[in-house]
Each structure stands twice: as structure tokens, then as C-alpha cells.
Amino acid sequence: MLSALPEAFVLIADRGYDSDRLRKALAERGVKSCIPGRANRKKPIVYDHGLYKRRHLIERLFGRLKDWRRIATRYDRCAHTFFSAICIAATVIF
């Protein structure tokens, strides 16, 4: 399940990924999880609030990239051409 993820120190995710199974798998790989607990948890989950607040930067980037029709619809057939389009869009956006 987690073998597809790249090497990382911290995984930042929203409440939809809150599960004990995922947290255990991340701990076994040595990855710290920054995932807030769901409202129905009996025991509150401790996570880094400051780090979680920075997640909006990534969300805004994806939102701005989706404004580019070519990227949102995955117009390019080749992965390297698609990645080039993302690089050009990110350069223009920022």
C-alpha cells in the first residue's frame, strides 16, 4: 500500500486518511504522520497544527494548476510532455 509513496519524513493529510492502520504502516516506515483525528474518535490524536496549516499551500497550487485546461484534462499522452506542461504552468503562475 505505501510502497508507491516516495521517501518522506512527514505525511500531511486531511481527516479522510485518519485510520489506525495507516498510522501504524507509516510508523513502521519511519514516517511521522500529520493527520488530524476525525470527530468521532474517542481519544484525540496529537498532530502538529502549524505543519498542518501549511498544507493549504499545496492545495492552492493544485487549484491553480487545474485552471490550465491542458493539465486538468491530462491532454498530453506522454508523461514527459505532461510534466513539461506542469513546469511551464507553475513557472507562469509563480
PDB file of N, CA and C in Angstrom:
ATOM      1  N   MET A   1       0.827  -1.189   0.000  1.00  0.00           N
ATOM      2  CA  MET A   1       0.000   0.000   0.000  1.00  0.00           C
ATOM      3  C   MET A   1       0.871   1.252   0.000  1.00  0.00           C
ATOM      4  N   LEU A   2       1.836   1.330   0.858  1.00  0.00           N
ATOM      5  CA  LEU A   2       2.675   2.519   0.961  1.00  0.00           C
ATOM      6  C   LEU A   2       3.930   2.438   0.111  1.00  0.00           C
ATOM      7  N   SER A   3       4.132   1.340  -0.575  1.00  0.00           N
ATOM      8  CA  SER A   3       5.348   1.193  -1.372  1.00  0.00           C
ATOM      9  C   SER A   3       5.380   2.169  -2.546  1.00  0.00           C
ATOM     10  N   ALA A   4       4.232   2.664  -2.982  1.00  0.00           N
ATOM     11  CA  ALA A   4       4.184   3.606  -4.100  1.00  0.00           C
ATOM     12  C   ALA A   4       4.567   5.022  -3.675  1.00  0.00           C
ATOM     13  N   LEU A   5       4.559   5.301  -2.390  1.00  0.00           N
ATOM     14  CA  LEU A   5       4.903   6.642  -1.914  1.00  0.00           C
ATOM     15  C   LEU A   5       6.406   6.865  -1.949  1.00  0.00           C
ATOM     16  N   PRO A   6       6.833   8.078  -2.264  1.00  0.00           N
ATOM     17  CA  PRO A   6       8.274   8.370  -2.220  1.00  0.00           C
ATOM     18  C   PRO A   6       8.759   8.475  -0.776  1.00  0.00           C
ATOM     19  N   GLU A   7      10.069   8.436  -0.613  1.00  0.00           N
ATOM     20  CA  GLU A   7      10.639   8.569   0.724  1.00  0.00           C
ATOM     21  C   GLU A   7      10.291   9.948   1.287  1.00  0.00           C
ATOM     22  N   ALA A   8       9.879   9.993   2.544  1.00  0.00           N
ATOM     23  CA  ALA A   8       9.497  11.254   3.174  1.00  0.00           C
ATOM     24  C   ALA A   8       9.705  11.150   4.677  1.00  0.00           C
ATOM     25  N   PHE A   9       9.755  12.307   5.316  1.00  0.00           N
ATOM     26  CA  PHE A   9       9.870  12.355   6.771  1.00  0.00           C
ATOM     27  C   PHE A   9       8.501  12.495   7.423  1.00  0.00           C
ATOM     28  N   VAL A  10       7.601  13.244   6.755  1.00  0.00           N
ATOM     29  CA  VAL A  10       6.275  13.527   7.300  1.00  0.00           C
ATOM     30  C   VAL A  10       5.240  13.359   6.196  1.00  0.00           C
ATOM     31  N   LEU A  11       4.081  12.788   6.543  1.00  0.00           N
ATOM     32  CA  LEU A  11       2.952  12.714   5.630  1.00  0.00           C
ATOM     33  C   LEU A  11       1.869  13.629   6.175  1.00  0.00           C
ATOM     34  N   ILE A  12       1.503  14.649   5.401  1.00  0.00           N
ATOM     35  CA  ILE A  12       0.451  15.580   5.789  1.00  0.00           C
ATOM     36  C   ILE A  12      -0.790  15.205   4.999  1.00  0.00           C
ATOM     37  N   ALA A  13      -1.886  14.930   5.696  1.00  0.00           N
ATOM     38  CA  ALA A  13      -3.125  14.531   5.025  1.00  0.00           C
ATOM     39  C   ALA A  13      -4.315  15.076   5.800  1.00  0.00           C
ATOM     40  N   ASP A  14      -5.492  15.047   5.181  1.00  0.00           N
ATOM     41  CA  ASP A  14      -6.679  15.543   5.867  1.00  0.00           C
ATOM     42  C   ASP A  14      -7.359  14.419   6.641  1.00  0.00           C
ATOM     43  N   ARG A  15      -8.471  14.738   7.246  1.00  0.00           N
ATOM     44  CA  ARG A  15      -9.164  13.795   8.136  1.00  0.00           C
ATOM     45  C   ARG A  15      -9.633  12.526   7.435  1.00  0.00           C
ATOM     46  N   GLY A  16      -9.780  12.566   6.144  1.00  0.00           N
ATOM     47  CA  GLY A  16     -10.217  11.393   5.394  1.00  0.00           C
ATOM     48  C   GLY A  16      -9.229  10.234   5.472  1.00  0.00           C
ATOM     49  N   TYR A  17      -7.979  10.523   5.776  1.00  0.00           N
ATOM     50  CA  TYR A  17      -6.947   9.490   5.867  1.00  0.00           C
ATOM     51  C   TYR A  17      -6.683   9.057   7.303  1.00  0.00           C
ATOM     52  N   ASP A  18      -7.531   9.437   8.227  1.00  0.00           N
ATOM     53  CA  ASP A  18      -7.352   9.085   9.628  1.00  0.00           C
ATOM     54  C   ASP A  18      -7.758   7.637   9.866  1.00  0.00           C
ATOM     55  N   SER A  19      -6.764   6.780  10.027  1.00  0.00           N
ATOM     56  CA  SER A  19      -7.026   5.387  10.391  1.00  0.00           C
ATOM     57  C   SER A  19      -5.814   4.858  11.161  1.00  0.00           C
ATOM     58  N   ASP A  20      -6.091   3.987  12.093  1.00  0.00           N
ATOM     59  CA  ASP A  20      -5.006   3.403  12.889  1.00  0.00           C
ATOM     60  C   ASP A  20      -4.086   2.545  12.012  1.00  0.00           C
ATOM     61  N   ARG A  21      -4.668   1.889  11.023  1.00  0.00           N
ATOM     62  CA  ARG A  21      -3.883   1.030  10.138  1.00  0.00           C
ATOM     63  C   ARG A  21      -2.852   1.848   9.350  1.00  0.00           C
ATOM     64  N   LEU A  22      -3.281   2.998   8.820  1.00  0.00           N
ATOM     65  CA  LEU A  22      -2.362   3.854   8.074  1.00  0.00           C
ATOM     66  C   LEU A  22      -1.283   4.423   8.989  1.00  0.00           C
ATOM     67  N   ARG A  23      -1.676   4.862  10.165  1.00  0.00           N
ATOM     68  CA  ARG A  23      -0.698   5.411  11.115  1.00  0.00           C
ATOM     69  C   ARG A  23       0.347   4.360  11.501  1.00  0.00           C
ATOM     70  N   LYS A  24      -0.093   3.130  11.685  1.00  0.00           N
ATOM     71  CA  LYS A  24       0.838   2.059  12.047  1.00  0.00           C
ATOM     72  C   LYS A  24       1.799   1.773  10.893  1.00  0.00           C
ATOM     73  N   ALA A  25       1.277   1.730   9.662  1.00  0.00           N
ATOM     74  CA  ALA A  25       2.130   1.470   8.496  1.00  0.00           C
ATOM     75  C   ALA A  25       3.149   2.595   8.299  1.00  0.00           C
ATOM     76  N   LEU A  26       2.738   3.836   8.544  1.00  0.00           N
ATOM     77  CA  LEU A  26       3.669   4.953   8.438  1.00  0.00           C
ATOM     78  C   LEU A  26       4.751   4.875   9.506  1.00  0.00           C
ATOM     79  N   ALA A  27       4.357   4.509  10.717  1.00  0.00           N
ATOM     80  CA  ALA A  27       5.331   4.399  11.809  1.00  0.00           C
ATOM     81  C   ALA A  27       6.357   3.306  11.520  1.00  0.00           C
ATOM     82  N   GLU A  28       5.919   2.217  10.907  1.00  0.00           N
ATOM     83  CA  GLU A  28       6.846   1.135  10.558  1.00  0.00           C
ATOM     84  C   GLU A  28       7.869   1.579   9.515  1.00  0.00           C
ATOM     85  N   ARG A  29       7.481   2.501   8.636  1.00  0.00           N
ATOM     86  CA  ARG A  29       8.410   3.040   7.634  1.00  0.00           C
ATOM     87  C   ARG A  29       9.254   4.180   8.175  1.00  0.00           C
ATOM     88  N   GLY A  30       8.944   4.631   9.388  1.00  0.00           N
ATOM     89  CA  GLY A  30       9.689   5.738   9.976  1.00  0.00           C
ATOM     90  C   GLY A  30       9.200   7.100   9.517  1.00  0.00           C
ATOM     91  N   VAL A  31       7.952   7.170   9.080  1.00  0.00           N
ATOM     92  CA  VAL A  31       7.366   8.420   8.602  1.00  0.00           C
ATOM     93  C   VAL A  31       6.423   8.952   9.677  1.00  0.00           C
ATOM     94  N   LYS A  32       6.589  10.218  10.018  1.00  0.00           N
ATOM     95  CA  LYS A  32       5.711  10.854  11.001  1.00  0.00           C
ATOM     96  C   LYS A  32       4.413  11.253  10.302  1.00  0.00           C
ATOM     97  N   SER A  33       3.289  11.022  10.943  1.00  0.00           N
ATOM     98  CA  SER A  33       2.009  11.372  10.332  1.00  0.00           C
ATOM     99  C   SER A  33       1.487  12.667  10.939  1.00  0.00           C
ATOM    100  N   CYS A  34       1.033  13.551  10.082  1.00  0.00           N
ATOM    101  CA  CYS A  34       0.417  14.810  10.495  1.00  0.00           C
ATOM    102  C   CYS A  34      -1.010  14.797   9.950  1.00  0.00           C
ATOM    103  N   ILE A  35      -1.850  14.006  10.610  1.00  0.00           N
ATOM    104  CA  ILE A  35      -3.225  13.806  10.178  1.00  0.00           C
ATOM    105  C   ILE A  35      -4.125  14.079  11.375  1.00  0.00           C
ATOM    106  N   PRO A  36      -5.018  15.053  11.298  1.00  0.00           N
ATOM    107  CA  PRO A  36      -5.924  15.282  12.430  1.00  0.00           C
ATOM    108  C   PRO A  36      -6.919  14.133  12.559  1.00  0.00           C
ATOM    109  N   GLY A  37      -7.361  13.882  13.776  1.00  0.00           N
ATOM    110  CA  GLY A  37      -8.322  12.812  14.014  1.00  0.00           C
ATOM    111  C   GLY A  37      -9.728  13.217  13.617  1.00  0.00           C
ATOM    112  N   ARG A  38     -10.525  12.234  13.303  1.00  0.00           N
ATOM    113  CA  ARG A  38     -11.928  12.503  12.976  1.00  0.00           C
ATOM    114  C   ARG A  38     -12.676  12.906  14.241  1.00  0.00           C
ATOM    115  N   ALA A  39     -13.827  13.500  14.051  1.00  0.00           N
ATOM    116  CA  ALA A  39     -14.615  14.000  15.179  1.00  0.00           C
ATOM    117  C   ALA A  39     -15.154  12.866  16.046  1.00  0.00           C
ATOM    118  N   ASN A  40     -15.341  11.672  15.494  1.00  0.00           N
ATOM    119  CA  ASN A  40     -15.929  10.577  16.255  1.00  0.00           C
ATOM    120  C   ASN A  40     -14.885   9.734  17.002  1.00  0.00           C
ATOM    121  N   ARG A  41     -13.629  10.135  17.022  1.00  0.00           N
ATOM    122  CA  ARG A  41     -12.596   9.406  17.775  1.00  0.00           C
ATOM    123  C   ARG A  41     -12.786   9.622  19.258  1.00  0.00           C
ATOM    124  N   LYS A  42     -12.649   8.547  20.009  1.00  0.00           N
ATOM    125  CA  LYS A  42     -12.798   8.659  21.458  1.00  0.00           C
ATOM    126  C   LYS A  42     -11.571   9.299  22.098  1.00  0.00           C
ATOM    127  N   LYS A  43     -10.388   8.942  21.588  1.00  0.00           N
ATOM    128  CA  LYS A  43      -9.136   9.510  22.095  1.00  0.00           C
ATOM    129  C   LYS A  43      -8.595  10.482  21.050  1.00  0.00           C
ATOM    130  N   PRO A  44      -8.409  11.757  21.418  1.00  0.00           N
ATOM    131  CA  PRO A  44      -7.921  12.727  20.428  1.00  0.00           C
ATOM    132  C   PRO A  44      -6.511  12.386  19.944  1.00  0.00           C
ATOM    133  N   ILE A  45      -6.259  12.699  18.680  1.00  0.00           N
ATOM    134  CA  ILE A  45      -4.966  12.456  18.054  1.00  0.00           C
ATOM    135  C   ILE A  45      -4.107  13.714  18.180  1.00  0.00           C
ATOM    136  N   VAL A  46      -2.860  13.531  18.538  1.00  0.00           N
ATOM    137  CA  VAL A  46      -1.925  14.648  18.636  1.00  0.00           C
ATOM    138  C   VAL A  46      -1.208  14.797  17.292  1.00  0.00           C
ATOM    139  N   TYR A  47      -1.226  16.011  16.750  1.00  0.00           N
ATOM    140  CA  TYR A  47      -0.541  16.294  15.491  1.00  0.00           C
ATOM    141  C   TYR A  47      -0.036  17.730  15.520  1.00  0.00           C
ATOM    142  N   ASP A  48       0.862  18.069  14.618  1.00  0.00           N
ATOM    143  CA  ASP A  48       1.465  19.395  14.549  1.00  0.00           C
ATOM    144  C   ASP A  48       0.522  20.355  13.821  1.00  0.00           C
ATOM    145  N   HIS A  49      -0.131  21.251  14.570  1.00  0.00           N
ATOM    146  CA  HIS A  49      -1.099  22.171  13.980  1.00  0.00           C
ATOM    147  C   HIS A  49      -0.438  23.141  13.001  1.00  0.00           C
ATOM    148  N   GLY A  50       0.753  23.614  13.320  1.00  0.00           N
ATOM    149  CA  GLY A  50       1.454  24.548  12.444  1.00  0.00           C
ATOM    150  C   GLY A  50       1.811  23.936  11.104  1.00  0.00           C
ATOM    151  N   LEU A  51       2.276  22.692  11.134  1.00  0.00           N
ATOM    152  CA  LEU A  51       2.609  21.993   9.893  1.00  0.00           C
ATOM    153  C   LEU A  51       1.355  21.707   9.078  1.00  0.00           C
ATOM    154  N   TYR A  52       0.270  21.355   9.746  1.00  0.00           N
ATOM    155  CA  TYR A  52      -0.974  21.055   9.043  1.00  0.00           C
ATOM    156  C   TYR A  52      -1.536  22.303   8.359  1.00  0.00           C
ATOM    157  N   LYS A  53      -1.347  23.469   8.963  1.00  0.00           N
ATOM    158  CA  LYS A  53      -1.840  24.708   8.364  1.00  0.00           C
ATOM    159  C   LYS A  53      -1.116  25.029   7.063  1.00  0.00           C
ATOM    160  N   ARG A  54       0.115  24.574   6.912  1.00  0.00           N
ATOM    161  CA  ARG A  54       0.874  24.840   5.693  1.00  0.00           C
ATOM    162  C   ARG A  54       0.403  23.979   4.525  1.00  0.00           C
ATOM    163  N   ARG A  55      -0.473  23.021   4.779  1.00  0.00           N
ATOM    164  CA  ARG A  55      -0.991  22.151   3.736  1.00  0.00           C
ATOM    165  C   ARG A  55      -1.768  22.935   2.679  1.00  0.00           C
ATOM    166  N   HIS A  56      -2.311  24.081   3.079  1.00  0.00           N
ATOM    167  CA  HIS A  56      -3.102  24.872   2.128  1.00  0.00           C
ATOM    168  C   HIS A  56      -2.257  25.374   0.958  1.00  0.00           C
ATOM    169  N   LEU A  57      -0.953  25.509   1.128  1.00  0.00           N
ATOM    170  CA  LEU A  57      -0.092  25.932   0.025  1.00  0.00           C
ATOM    171  C   LEU A  57      -0.129  24.922  -1.118  1.00  0.00           C
ATOM    172  N   ILE A  58      -0.092  23.664  -0.768  1.00  0.00           N
ATOM    173  CA  ILE A  58      -0.144  22.606  -1.780  1.00  0.00           C
ATOM    174  C   ILE A  58      -1.528  22.561  -2.423  1.00  0.00           C
ATOM    175  N   GLU A  59      -2.564  22.719  -1.610  1.00  0.00           N
ATOM    176  CA  GLU A  59      -3.929  22.707  -2.141  1.00  0.00           C
ATOM    177  C   GLU A  59      -4.143  23.865  -3.123  1.00  0.00           C
ATOM    178  N   ARG A  60      -3.606  25.035  -2.804  1.00  0.00           N
ATOM    179  CA  ARG A  60      -3.738  26.182  -3.709  1.00  0.00           C
ATOM    180  C   ARG A  60      -2.979  25.948  -5.007  1.00  0.00           C
ATOM    181  N   LEU A  61      -1.812  25.317  -4.928  1.00  0.00           N
ATOM    182  CA  LEU A  61      -1.043  25.021  -6.137  1.00  0.00           C
ATOM    183  C   LEU A  61      -1.853  24.128  -7.075  1.00  0.00           C
ATOM    184  N   PHE A  62      -2.446  23.061  -6.536  1.00  0.00           N
ATOM    185  CA  PHE A  62      -3.245  22.173  -7.384  1.00  0.00           C
ATOM    186  C   PHE A  62      -4.461  22.899  -7.947  1.00  0.00           C
ATOM    187  N   GLY A  63      -5.070  23.770  -7.162  1.00  0.00           N
ATOM    188  CA  GLY A  63      -6.202  24.554  -7.647  1.00  0.00           C
ATOM    189  C   GLY A  63      -5.824  25.448  -8.808  1.00  0.00           C
ATOM    190  N   ARG A  64      -4.662  26.084  -8.715  1.00  0.00           N
ATOM    191  CA  ARG A  64      -4.203  26.957  -9.795  1.00  0.00           C
ATOM    192  C   ARG A  64      -3.780  26.162 -11.024  1.00  0.00           C
ATOM    193  N   LEU A  65      -3.199  25.008 -10.822  1.00  0.00           N
ATOM    194  CA  LEU A  65      -2.817  24.174 -11.972  1.00  0.00           C
ATOM    195  C   LEU A  65      -4.047  23.674 -12.726  1.00  0.00           C
ATOM    196  N   LYS A  66      -5.139  23.439 -12.018  1.00  0.00           N
ATOM    197  CA  LYS A  66      -6.350  22.948 -12.666  1.00  0.00           C
ATOM    198  C   LYS A  66      -7.027  24.018 -13.514  1.00  0.00           C
ATOM    199  N   ASP A  67      -6.617  25.290 -13.343  1.00  0.00           N
ATOM    200  CA  ASP A  67      -7.136  26.344 -14.216  1.00  0.00           C
ATOM    201  C   ASP A  67      -6.612  26.192 -15.637  1.00  0.00           C
ATOM    202  N   TRP A  68      -5.526  25.496 -15.801  1.00  0.00           N
ATOM    203  CA  TRP A  68      -4.953  25.246 -17.123  1.00  0.00           C
ATOM    204  C   TRP A  68      -5.640  24.006 -17.697  1.00  0.00           C
ATOM    205  N   ARG A  69      -6.415  24.193 -18.737  1.00  0.00           N
ATOM    206  CA  ARG A  69      -7.209  23.102 -19.300  1.00  0.00           C
ATOM    207  C   ARG A  69      -6.354  21.921 -19.728  1.00  0.00           C
ATOM    208  N   ARG A  70      -5.201  22.201 -20.296  1.00  0.00           N
ATOM    209  CA  ARG A  70      -4.312  21.148 -20.782  1.00  0.00           C
ATOM    210  C   ARG A  70      -3.903  20.217 -19.648  1.00  0.00           C
ATOM    211  N   ILE A  71      -3.693  20.761 -18.460  1.00  0.00           N
ATOM    212  CA  ILE A  71      -3.257  19.958 -17.315  1.00  0.00           C
ATOM    213  C   ILE A  71      -4.449  19.275 -16.656  1.00  0.00           C
ATOM    214  N   ALA A  72      -5.557  20.007 -16.509  1.00  0.00           N
ATOM    215  CA  ALA A  72      -6.725  19.452 -15.837  1.00  0.00           C
ATOM    216  C   ALA A  72      -7.299  18.245 -16.574  1.00  0.00           C
ATOM    217  N   THR A  73      -7.227  18.261 -17.907  1.00  0.00           N
ATOM    218  CA  THR A  73      -7.800  17.165 -18.687  1.00  0.00           C
ATOM    219  C   THR A  73      -6.772  16.120 -19.082  1.00  0.00           C
ATOM    220  N   ARG A  74      -5.506  16.318 -18.671  1.00  0.00           N
ATOM    221  CA  ARG A  74      -4.406  15.384 -18.991  1.00  0.00           C
ATOM    222  C   ARG A  74      -4.345  15.188 -20.504  1.00  0.00           C
ATOM    223  N   TYR A  75      -4.264  16.341 -21.196  1.00  0.00           N
ATOM    224  CA  TYR A  75      -4.315  16.374 -22.656  1.00  0.00           C
ATOM    225  C   TYR A  75      -3.147  15.632 -23.303  1.00  0.00           C
ATOM    226  N   ASP A  76      -1.952  15.712 -22.705  1.00  0.00           N
ATOM    227  CA  ASP A  76      -0.763  15.114 -23.302  1.00  0.00           C
ATOM    228  C   ASP A  76      -0.735  13.608 -23.086  1.00  0.00           C
ATOM    229  N   ARG A  77      -0.237  12.902 -24.078  1.00  0.00           N
ATOM    230  CA  ARG A  77      -0.162  11.449 -23.982  1.00  0.00           C
ATOM    231  C   ARG A  77       1.075  10.976 -23.230  1.00  0.00           C
ATOM    232  N   CYS A  78       2.190  11.640 -23.449  1.00  0.00           N
ATOM    233  CA  CYS A  78       3.461  11.216 -22.849  1.00  0.00           C
ATOM    234  C   CYS A  78       3.649  11.867 -21.478  1.00  0.00           C
ATOM    235  N   ALA A  79       4.226  11.113 -20.563  1.00  0.00           N
ATOM    236  CA  ALA A  79       4.440  11.621 -19.214  1.00  0.00           C
ATOM    237  C   ALA A  79       5.420  12.789 -19.203  1.00  0.00           C
ATOM    238  N   HIS A  80       6.460  12.726 -20.028  1.00  0.00           N
ATOM    239  CA  HIS A  80       7.442  13.811 -20.024  1.00  0.00           C
ATOM    240  C   HIS A  80       6.865  15.103 -20.597  1.00  0.00           C
ATOM    241  N   THR A  81       5.948  15.003 -21.564  1.00  0.00           N
ATOM    242  CA  THR A  81       5.296  16.187 -22.111  1.00  0.00           C
ATOM    243  C   THR A  81       4.329  16.780 -21.089  1.00  0.00           C
ATOM    244  N   PHE A  82       3.625  15.913 -20.373  1.00  0.00           N
ATOM    245  CA  PHE A  82       2.704  16.368 -19.330  1.00  0.00           C
ATOM    246  C   PHE A  82       3.473  17.072 -18.222  1.00  0.00           C
ATOM    247  N   PHE A  83       4.603  16.503 -17.819  1.00  0.00           N
ATOM    248  CA  PHE A  83       5.421  17.120 -16.785  1.00  0.00           C
ATOM    249  C   PHE A  83       5.968  18.467 -17.249  1.00  0.00           C
ATOM    250  N   SER A  84       6.328  18.570 -18.514  1.00  0.00           N
ATOM    251  CA  SER A  84       6.803  19.837 -19.062  1.00  0.00           C
ATOM    252  C   SER A  84       5.703  20.898 -19.014  1.00  0.00           C
ATOM    253  N   ALA A  85       4.474  20.500 -19.311  1.00  0.00           N
ATOM    254  CA  ALA A  85       3.349  21.436 -19.242  1.00  0.00           C
ATOM    255  C   ALA A  85       3.131  21.911 -17.808  1.00  0.00           C
ATOM    256  N   ILE A  86       3.284  21.010 -16.841  1.00  0.00           N
ATOM    257  CA  ILE A  86       3.151  21.390 -15.433  1.00  0.00           C
ATOM    258  C   ILE A  86       4.245  22.379 -15.049  1.00  0.00           C
ATOM    259  N   CYS A  87       5.462  22.139 -15.499  1.00  0.00           N
ATOM    260  CA  CYS A  87       6.579  23.050 -15.191  1.00  0.00           C
ATOM    261  C   CYS A  87       6.344  24.431 -15.785  1.00  0.00           C
ATOM    262  N   ILE A  88       5.852  24.484 -17.020  1.00  0.00           N
ATOM    263  CA  ILE A  88       5.577  25.779 -17.652  1.00  0.00           C
ATOM    264  C   ILE A  88       4.459  26.500 -16.912  1.00  0.00           C
ATOM    265  N   ALA A  89       3.403  25.779 -16.572  1.00  0.00           N
ATOM    266  CA  ALA A  89       2.282  26.394 -15.853  1.00  0.00           C
ATOM    267  C   ALA A  89       2.722  26.904 -14.484  1.00  0.00           C
ATOM    268  N   ALA A  90       3.512  26.108 -13.757  1.00  0.00           N
ATOM    269  CA  ALA A  90       3.981  26.531 -12.435  1.00  0.00           C
ATOM    270  C   ALA A  90       4.874  27.753 -12.544  1.00  0.00           C
ATOM    271  N   THR A  91       5.681  27.830 -13.598  1.00  0.00           N
ATOM    272  CA  THR A  91       6.544  28.995 -13.800  1.00  0.00           C
ATOM    273  C   THR A  91       5.710  30.245 -14.056  1.00  0.00           C
ATOM    274  N   VAL A  92       4.675  30.133 -14.860  1.00  0.00           N
ATOM    275  CA  VAL A  92       3.821  31.280 -15.165  1.00  0.00           C
ATOM    276  C   VAL A  92       3.012  31.691 -13.939  1.00  0.00           C
ATOM    277  N   ILE A  93       2.519  30.714 -13.185  1.00  0.00           N
ATOM    278  CA  ILE A  93       1.706  31.012 -12.006  1.00  0.00           C
ATOM    279  C   ILE A  93       2.520  31.710 -10.937  1.00  0.00           C
ATOM    280  N   PHE A  94       3.735  31.220 -10.694  1.00  0.00           N
ATOM    281  CA  PHE A  94       4.534  31.778  -9.610  1.00  0.00           C
ATOM    282  C   PHE A  94       5.646  32.619 -10.158  1.00  0.00           C
TER     283      PHE A  94
END
